Amino acid sequence: MYNKIVYNHFPKNIEIGSIVSEKILPIFKDTIELNINLLNNKLSDKNVCNNFILIPNVKKIIKII
């Protein structure tokens, strides 16, 4: 789905996930893994848009780091 959006619509920026409790929104549980994979692919493809993650609070940022 990501590739279809990026390569057909050429967005400048795209939010592709959120770091929220898996109990509240389990669909976002693989956000970090997805972003790492996209970052690895992005290094070889200069036409990919900027990817962003919604991080609701400082506690979640510290968890990621």
N, C-alpha and C. Protein backbone atom coordinates (compact mmCIF):
# COMPACT_ATOMS: atom_id res chain seq x y z
N MET A 1 0.83 -1.18 0.00
CA MET A 1 0.00 0.00 0.00
C MET A 1 0.88 1.26 0.00
N TYR A 2 1.94 1.23 0.82
CA TYR A 2 2.86 2.37 0.88
C TYR A 2 3.43 2.69 -0.50
N ASN A 3 3.97 1.66 -1.16
CA ASN A 3 4.56 1.88 -2.48
C ASN A 3 3.54 2.40 -3.49
N LYS A 4 2.33 1.89 -3.42
CA LYS A 4 1.28 2.34 -4.33
C LYS A 4 0.99 3.82 -4.15
N ILE A 5 0.88 4.26 -2.90
CA ILE A 5 0.63 5.68 -2.62
C ILE A 5 1.80 6.54 -3.06
N VAL A 6 3.01 6.15 -2.64
CA VAL A 6 4.20 6.96 -2.92
C VAL A 6 4.50 7.06 -4.41
N TYR A 7 4.47 5.95 -5.12
CA TYR A 7 4.87 5.96 -6.53
C TYR A 7 3.76 6.35 -7.50
N ASN A 8 2.51 6.39 -7.04
CA ASN A 8 1.42 6.83 -7.91
C ASN A 8 0.98 8.26 -7.64
N HIS A 9 1.15 8.72 -6.38
CA HIS A 9 0.66 10.05 -6.01
C HIS A 9 1.75 11.02 -5.62
N PHE A 10 2.97 10.54 -5.43
CA PHE A 10 4.15 11.36 -5.15
C PHE A 10 3.96 12.37 -4.02
N PRO A 11 3.51 11.92 -2.83
CA PRO A 11 3.37 12.87 -1.73
C PRO A 11 4.75 13.35 -1.26
N LYS A 12 4.80 14.55 -0.78
CA LYS A 12 6.04 15.10 -0.26
C LYS A 12 6.34 14.51 1.13
N ASN A 13 5.29 14.34 1.93
CA ASN A 13 5.39 13.78 3.28
C ASN A 13 4.26 12.79 3.50
N ILE A 14 4.51 11.80 4.36
CA ILE A 14 3.47 10.83 4.68
C ILE A 14 3.66 10.33 6.11
N GLU A 15 2.56 10.26 6.86
CA GLU A 15 2.60 9.70 8.21
C GLU A 15 2.27 8.22 8.08
N ILE A 16 3.17 7.37 8.54
CA ILE A 16 2.97 5.95 8.31
C ILE A 16 2.82 5.13 9.57
N GLY A 17 2.60 5.77 10.68
CA GLY A 17 2.39 5.00 11.89
C GLY A 17 2.30 5.88 13.11
N SER A 18 2.14 5.20 14.23
CA SER A 18 2.02 5.90 15.51
C SER A 18 2.57 5.01 16.60
N ILE A 19 3.20 5.63 17.59
CA ILE A 19 3.70 4.88 18.73
C ILE A 19 2.67 5.06 19.85
N VAL A 20 1.70 4.18 19.87
CA VAL A 20 0.65 4.19 20.89
C VAL A 20 0.58 2.80 21.52
N SER A 21 -0.17 2.70 22.58
CA SER A 21 -0.33 1.42 23.26
C SER A 21 -0.92 0.38 22.32
N GLU A 22 -0.31 -0.80 22.32
CA GLU A 22 -0.83 -1.90 21.50
C GLU A 22 -2.22 -2.33 21.97
N LYS A 23 -2.52 -2.05 23.23
CA LYS A 23 -3.84 -2.40 23.76
C LYS A 23 -4.92 -1.50 23.15
N ILE A 24 -4.56 -0.27 22.86
CA ILE A 24 -5.53 0.67 22.29
C ILE A 24 -5.64 0.52 20.78
N LEU A 25 -4.51 0.53 20.10
CA LEU A 25 -4.48 0.41 18.63
C LEU A 25 -3.46 -0.64 18.20
N PRO A 26 -3.82 -1.92 18.24
CA PRO A 26 -2.86 -2.98 17.91
C PRO A 26 -2.35 -2.93 16.47
N ILE A 27 -3.06 -2.24 15.59
CA ILE A 27 -2.63 -2.17 14.20
C ILE A 27 -1.29 -1.45 14.03
N PHE A 28 -0.93 -0.60 15.00
CA PHE A 28 0.32 0.14 14.91
C PHE A 28 1.50 -0.54 15.61
N LYS A 29 1.36 -1.78 16.02
CA LYS A 29 2.41 -2.44 16.80
C LYS A 29 3.71 -2.62 16.03
N ASP A 30 3.68 -2.62 14.71
CA ASP A 30 4.90 -2.80 13.92
C ASP A 30 5.42 -1.50 13.31
N THR A 31 5.02 -0.36 13.84
CA THR A 31 5.42 0.94 13.29
C THR A 31 6.93 1.11 13.23
N ILE A 32 7.63 0.79 14.31
CA ILE A 32 9.09 0.98 14.32
C ILE A 32 9.76 0.06 13.31
N GLU A 33 9.36 -1.20 13.27
CA GLU A 33 9.93 -2.15 12.31
C GLU A 33 9.67 -1.69 10.87
N LEU A 34 8.48 -1.23 10.60
CA LEU A 34 8.13 -0.74 9.27
C LEU A 34 9.02 0.44 8.89
N ASN A 35 9.22 1.37 9.80
CA ASN A 35 10.04 2.54 9.52
C ASN A 35 11.50 2.18 9.29
N ILE A 36 12.01 1.22 10.02
CA ILE A 36 13.39 0.77 9.80
C ILE A 36 13.52 0.17 8.41
N ASN A 37 12.57 -0.65 8.01
CA ASN A 37 12.60 -1.23 6.67
C ASN A 37 12.50 -0.17 5.59
N LEU A 38 11.64 0.81 5.78
CA LEU A 38 11.51 1.88 4.80
C LEU A 38 12.77 2.73 4.73
N LEU A 39 13.40 2.98 5.86
CA LEU A 39 14.64 3.74 5.89
C LEU A 39 15.73 3.02 5.12
N ASN A 40 15.84 1.71 5.31
CA ASN A 40 16.84 0.93 4.57
C ASN A 40 16.59 1.00 3.07
N ASN A 41 15.34 0.94 2.65
CA ASN A 41 15.01 1.04 1.23
C ASN A 41 15.20 2.46 0.71
N LYS A 42 14.93 3.45 1.55
CA LYS A 42 15.02 4.85 1.15
C LYS A 42 16.44 5.26 0.80
N LEU A 43 17.43 4.64 1.45
CA LEU A 43 18.81 5.00 1.20
C LEU A 43 19.21 4.75 -0.25
N SER A 44 18.55 3.81 -0.90
CA SER A 44 18.90 3.52 -2.29
C SER A 44 17.94 4.17 -3.28
N ASP A 45 16.90 4.85 -2.80
CA ASP A 45 15.90 5.45 -3.68
C ASP A 45 15.69 6.91 -3.28
N LYS A 46 16.18 7.81 -4.07
CA LYS A 46 16.13 9.23 -3.73
C LYS A 46 14.76 9.87 -4.00
N ASN A 47 13.83 9.16 -4.61
CA ASN A 47 12.52 9.73 -4.95
C ASN A 47 11.44 9.44 -3.92
N VAL A 48 11.80 8.86 -2.81
CA VAL A 48 10.82 8.49 -1.79
C VAL A 48 10.52 9.72 -0.91
N CYS A 49 9.28 9.83 -0.47
CA CYS A 49 8.87 10.97 0.35
C CYS A 49 9.39 10.86 1.78
N ASN A 50 9.19 11.92 2.54
CA ASN A 50 9.56 11.93 3.96
C ASN A 50 8.53 11.16 4.76
N ASN A 51 8.99 10.25 5.60
CA ASN A 51 8.10 9.45 6.44
C ASN A 51 8.08 10.01 7.85
N PHE A 52 6.89 10.07 8.45
CA PHE A 52 6.74 10.58 9.80
C PHE A 52 5.96 9.59 10.65
N ILE A 53 6.25 9.61 11.97
CA ILE A 53 5.53 8.78 12.94
C ILE A 53 4.92 9.72 13.97
N LEU A 54 3.67 9.48 14.32
CA LEU A 54 3.02 10.24 15.38
C LEU A 54 3.47 9.68 16.73
N ILE A 55 4.06 10.53 17.56
CA ILE A 55 4.50 10.14 18.90
C ILE A 55 3.75 11.03 19.88
N PRO A 56 2.83 10.46 20.66
CA PRO A 56 1.93 11.26 21.48
C PRO A 56 2.54 11.93 22.72
N ASN A 57 3.68 11.42 23.22
CA ASN A 57 4.23 12.04 24.43
C ASN A 57 5.71 11.70 24.59
N VAL A 58 6.36 12.37 25.53
CA VAL A 58 7.79 12.20 25.77
C VAL A 58 8.11 10.78 26.24
N LYS A 59 7.24 10.18 27.02
CA LYS A 59 7.45 8.82 27.51
C LYS A 59 7.64 7.85 26.33
N LYS A 60 6.86 8.02 25.29
CA LYS A 60 6.98 7.16 24.11
C LYS A 60 8.29 7.42 23.35
N ILE A 61 8.71 8.67 23.29
CA ILE A 61 9.99 9.00 22.63
C ILE A 61 11.14 8.32 23.36
N ILE A 62 11.13 8.39 24.67
CA ILE A 62 12.18 7.77 25.47
C ILE A 62 12.19 6.26 25.26
N LYS A 63 11.02 5.65 25.15
CA LYS A 63 10.92 4.21 24.91
C LYS A 63 11.56 3.84 23.57
N ILE A 64 11.34 4.65 22.56
CA ILE A 64 11.90 4.38 21.23
C ILE A 64 13.42 4.49 21.24
N ILE A 65 13.90 5.53 21.88
CA ILE A 65 15.35 5.77 21.93
C ILE A 65 16.02 4.66 22.69
